[in-house]
């Protein structure tokens, strides 16, 4: 189990955002599951909608992407620690949204898969393991 954020999932569908980590994560999901905070549902859809508005994908692409994502072993966590999220957001100057991913990874004691540089930096500071990082 690991935490996955929208920066990784979005990179699967926007070729200019391709990164070696994204393929590794996708391969890992063939025999493992990932967890996300409940906001992932909204954040992914917003990223796809923005992609449509910018002409990067079509509405048909969005429907196809959502169908593919719905088939992935993603578990939605609905028990965030609000006080800890605020603390992490303040300490690391993260958005509340990004801090929610960090809090989840810390609480579940699992790695986090992200391409967000601020979130990577905060994870390192909090000693939350990064997906794919070697020791």
C-alpha atoms as a PDB file:
ATOM      1  CA  UNK A   1       0.000   0.000   0.000  1.00  0.00           C
ATOM      2  CA  UNK A   2       1.128   3.538  -0.719  1.00  0.00           C
ATOM      3  CA  UNK A   3      -0.386   7.009  -1.115  1.00  0.00           C
ATOM      4  CA  UNK A   4      -0.778   8.359  -4.637  1.00  0.00           C
ATOM      5  CA  UNK A   5      -1.559  11.935  -5.610  1.00  0.00           C
ATOM      6  CA  UNK A   6      -3.032  13.493  -8.743  1.00  0.00           C
ATOM      7  CA  UNK A   7       0.349  14.696 -10.022  1.00  0.00           C
ATOM      8  CA  UNK A   8       1.243  11.059 -10.702  1.00  0.00           C
ATOM      9  CA  UNK A   9      -2.111   9.991 -12.118  1.00  0.00           C
ATOM     10  CA  UNK A  10      -2.353  13.075 -14.319  1.00  0.00           C
ATOM     11  CA  UNK A  11       1.086  12.403 -15.762  1.00  0.00           C
ATOM     12  CA  UNK A  12      -0.181   9.098 -17.152  1.00  0.00           C
ATOM     13  CA  UNK A  13      -2.581  10.970 -19.413  1.00  0.00           C
ATOM     14  CA  UNK A  14      -0.706  14.180 -20.222  1.00  0.00           C
ATOM     15  CA  UNK A  15       2.355  13.069 -22.239  1.00  0.00           C
ATOM     16  CA  UNK A  16       4.303  16.284 -21.619  1.00  0.00           C
ATOM     17  CA  UNK A  17       4.229  15.456 -17.900  1.00  0.00           C
ATOM     18  CA  UNK A  18       5.763  12.009 -18.382  1.00  0.00           C
ATOM     19  CA  UNK A  19       8.163  10.936 -15.646  1.00  0.00           C
ATOM     20  CA  UNK A  20       9.862   7.572 -14.949  1.00  0.00           C
ATOM     21  CA  UNK A  21       8.129   7.331 -11.558  1.00  0.00           C
ATOM     22  CA  UNK A  22       4.678   7.306 -13.148  1.00  0.00           C
ATOM     23  CA  UNK A  23       5.255   4.059 -15.062  1.00  0.00           C
ATOM     24  CA  UNK A  24       6.702   2.408 -11.959  1.00  0.00           C
ATOM     25  CA  UNK A  25       3.624   3.394  -9.970  1.00  0.00           C
ATOM     26  CA  UNK A  26       1.278   2.074 -12.655  1.00  0.00           C
ATOM     27  CA  UNK A  27       3.147  -1.237 -12.768  1.00  0.00           C
ATOM     28  CA  UNK A  28       3.019  -1.507  -8.977  1.00  0.00           C
ATOM     29  CA  UNK A  29      -0.759  -1.095  -9.050  1.00  0.00           C
ATOM     30  CA  UNK A  30      -1.015  -4.407 -10.890  1.00  0.00           C
ATOM     31  CA  UNK A  31      -0.277  -6.198  -7.599  1.00  0.00           C
ATOM     32  CA  UNK A  32      -0.698  -3.565  -4.885  1.00  0.00           C
ATOM     33  CA  UNK A  33      -3.216  -0.941  -3.877  1.00  0.00           C
ATOM     34  CA  UNK A  34      -2.886   2.760  -3.224  1.00  0.00           C
ATOM     35  CA  UNK A  35      -4.789   5.025  -0.921  1.00  0.00           C
ATOM     36  CA  UNK A  36      -5.907   8.597  -1.428  1.00  0.00           C
ATOM     37  CA  UNK A  37      -7.666  11.237   0.632  1.00  0.00           C
ATOM     38  CA  UNK A  38     -11.281  11.837  -0.387  1.00  0.00           C
ATOM     39  CA  UNK A  39     -10.283  15.069  -2.139  1.00  0.00           C
ATOM     40  CA  UNK A  40      -8.505  12.992  -4.822  1.00  0.00           C
ATOM     41  CA  UNK A  41     -11.875  12.400  -6.535  1.00  0.00           C
ATOM     42  CA  UNK A  42     -12.432  16.149  -6.963  1.00  0.00           C
ATOM     43  CA  UNK A  43      -8.814  17.044  -7.674  1.00  0.00           C
ATOM     44  CA  UNK A  44      -8.496  14.514 -10.501  1.00  0.00           C
ATOM     45  CA  UNK A  45     -11.693  15.680 -12.148  1.00  0.00           C
ATOM     46  CA  UNK A  46     -10.612  19.295 -11.885  1.00  0.00           C
ATOM     47  CA  UNK A  47      -7.245  18.492 -13.490  1.00  0.00           C
ATOM     48  CA  UNK A  48      -9.030  16.752 -16.358  1.00  0.00           C
ATOM     49  CA  UNK A  49     -11.478  19.625 -16.786  1.00  0.00           C
ATOM     50  CA  UNK A  50      -8.613  22.123 -16.903  1.00  0.00           C
ATOM     51  CA  UNK A  51      -6.922  19.854 -19.453  1.00  0.00           C
ATOM     52  CA  UNK A  52     -10.070  19.999 -21.579  1.00  0.00           C
ATOM     53  CA  UNK A  53     -10.269  23.781 -21.321  1.00  0.00           C
ATOM     54  CA  UNK A  54      -6.637  24.103 -22.404  1.00  0.00           C
ATOM     55  CA  UNK A  55      -7.202  21.796 -25.359  1.00  0.00           C
ATOM     56  CA  UNK A  56      -4.912  19.084 -24.019  1.00  0.00           C
ATOM     57  CA  UNK A  57      -7.638  16.433 -23.911  1.00  0.00           C
ATOM     58  CA  UNK A  58     -11.239  16.090 -25.049  1.00  0.00           C
ATOM     59  CA  UNK A  59     -14.386  15.266 -23.111  1.00  0.00           C
ATOM     60  CA  UNK A  60     -14.168  11.787 -24.614  1.00  0.00           C
ATOM     61  CA  UNK A  61     -10.612  11.481 -23.274  1.00  0.00           C
ATOM     62  CA  UNK A  62     -11.823  12.521 -19.827  1.00  0.00           C
ATOM     63  CA  UNK A  63     -14.522   9.839 -19.829  1.00  0.00           C
ATOM     64  CA  UNK A  64     -11.986   7.215 -20.940  1.00  0.00           C
ATOM     65  CA  UNK A  65      -9.460   8.289 -18.304  1.00  0.00           C
ATOM     66  CA  UNK A  66     -12.046   8.198 -15.519  1.00  0.00           C
ATOM     67  CA  UNK A  67     -13.129   4.719 -16.603  1.00  0.00           C
ATOM     68  CA  UNK A  68      -9.512   3.533 -16.481  1.00  0.00           C
ATOM     69  CA  UNK A  69      -8.867   5.125 -13.081  1.00  0.00           C
ATOM     70  CA  UNK A  70     -12.053   3.617 -11.650  1.00  0.00           C
ATOM     71  CA  UNK A  71     -10.589   0.185 -12.423  1.00  0.00           C
ATOM     72  CA  UNK A  72      -7.462   0.806 -10.370  1.00  0.00           C
ATOM     73  CA  UNK A  73      -7.104  -0.531  -6.813  1.00  0.00           C
ATOM     74  CA  UNK A  74      -7.462   2.861  -5.120  1.00  0.00           C
ATOM     75  CA  UNK A  75      -8.813   3.025  -1.580  1.00  0.00           C
ATOM     76  CA  UNK A  76     -10.336   6.288  -0.415  1.00  0.00           C
ATOM     77  CA  UNK A  77      -9.430   7.262   3.129  1.00  0.00           C
ATOM     78  CA  UNK A  78     -12.183   9.149   4.904  1.00  0.00           C
ATOM     79  CA  UNK A  79     -10.595   9.601   8.325  1.00  0.00           C
ATOM     80  CA  UNK A  80      -8.134  12.500   8.068  1.00  0.00           C
ATOM     81  CA  UNK A  81      -6.543  14.101  11.093  1.00  0.00           C
ATOM     82  CA  UNK A  82      -7.525  17.736  10.536  1.00  0.00           C
ATOM     83  CA  UNK A  83      -5.229  19.152  13.208  1.00  0.00           C
ATOM     84  CA  UNK A  84      -2.229  17.303  11.766  1.00  0.00           C
ATOM     85  CA  UNK A  85      -3.052  18.453   8.232  1.00  0.00           C
ATOM     86  CA  UNK A  86      -3.153  22.069   9.404  1.00  0.00           C
ATOM     87  CA  UNK A  87       0.116  21.587  11.286  1.00  0.00           C
ATOM     88  CA  UNK A  88       1.867  20.102   8.234  1.00  0.00           C
ATOM     89  CA  UNK A  89       0.438  22.707   5.863  1.00  0.00           C
ATOM     90  CA  UNK A  90       1.663  25.507   8.093  1.00  0.00           C
ATOM     91  CA  UNK A  91       5.059  23.982   8.833  1.00  0.00           C
ATOM     92  CA  UNK A  92       5.874  23.251   5.198  1.00  0.00           C
ATOM     93  CA  UNK A  93       3.907  26.026   3.473  1.00  0.00           C
ATOM     94  CA  UNK A  94       1.781  23.443   1.653  1.00  0.00           C
ATOM     95  CA  UNK A  95      -1.779  23.794   0.499  1.00  0.00           C
ATOM     96  CA  UNK A  96      -4.220  22.055   2.795  1.00  0.00           C
ATOM     97  CA  UNK A  97      -4.852  19.659  -0.088  1.00  0.00           C
ATOM     98  CA  UNK A  98      -1.211  18.631  -0.443  1.00  0.00           C
ATOM     99  CA  UNK A  99      -0.831  18.347   3.315  1.00  0.00           C
ATOM    100  CA  UNK A 100      -3.768  15.898   3.302  1.00  0.00           C
ATOM    101  CA  UNK A 101      -1.724  13.485   1.164  1.00  0.00           C
ATOM    102  CA  UNK A 102       1.266  13.889   3.473  1.00  0.00           C
ATOM    103  CA  UNK A 103      -0.805  13.352   6.613  1.00  0.00           C
ATOM    104  CA  UNK A 104      -2.346  10.209   5.116  1.00  0.00           C
ATOM    105  CA  UNK A 105       1.044   8.725   4.243  1.00  0.00           C
ATOM    106  CA  UNK A 106       2.381   9.514   7.700  1.00  0.00           C
ATOM    107  CA  UNK A 107      -0.703   8.170   9.493  1.00  0.00           C
ATOM    108  CA  UNK A 108      -0.732   4.939   7.476  1.00  0.00           C
ATOM    109  CA  UNK A 109       3.073   4.691   7.625  1.00  0.00           C
ATOM    110  CA  UNK A 110       3.330   4.132   3.874  1.00  0.00           C
ATOM    111  CA  UNK A 111       5.316   5.779   1.066  1.00  0.00           C
ATOM    112  CA  UNK A 112       3.873   8.628  -0.963  1.00  0.00           C
ATOM    113  CA  UNK A 113       4.006   8.758  -4.770  1.00  0.00           C
ATOM    114  CA  UNK A 114       4.076  12.365  -5.948  1.00  0.00           C
ATOM    115  CA  UNK A 115       5.752  14.560  -8.535  1.00  0.00           C
ATOM    116  CA  UNK A 116       4.993  17.727  -6.551  1.00  0.00           C
ATOM    117  CA  UNK A 117       8.357  19.201  -5.493  1.00  0.00           C
ATOM    118  CA  UNK A 118       6.973  20.976  -2.403  1.00  0.00           C
ATOM    119  CA  UNK A 119       5.309  17.764  -1.270  1.00  0.00           C
ATOM    120  CA  UNK A 120       8.521  15.787  -1.871  1.00  0.00           C
ATOM    121  CA  UNK A 121      10.450  18.292   0.239  1.00  0.00           C
ATOM    122  CA  UNK A 122       7.849  18.164   3.031  1.00  0.00           C
ATOM    123  CA  UNK A 123       7.782  14.353   2.971  1.00  0.00           C
ATOM    124  CA  UNK A 124      11.541  14.276   3.415  1.00  0.00           C
ATOM    125  CA  UNK A 125      11.307  16.725   6.311  1.00  0.00           C
ATOM    126  CA  UNK A 126       8.607  14.628   7.969  1.00  0.00           C
ATOM    127  CA  UNK A 127      10.564  11.418   7.280  1.00  0.00           C
ATOM    128  CA  UNK A 128       7.697  10.050   5.181  1.00  0.00           C
ATOM    129  CA  UNK A 129       9.151   7.638   2.637  1.00  0.00           C
ATOM    130  CA  UNK A 130       8.884   8.529  -1.032  1.00  0.00           C
ATOM    131  CA  UNK A 131       7.619   5.905  -3.418  1.00  0.00           C
ATOM    132  CA  UNK A 132      10.491   4.571  -5.487  1.00  0.00           C
ATOM    133  CA  UNK A 133      13.198   6.278  -3.434  1.00  0.00           C
ATOM    134  CA  UNK A 134      16.217   4.254  -2.528  1.00  0.00           C
ATOM    135  CA  UNK A 135      17.714   4.561   0.888  1.00  0.00           C
END
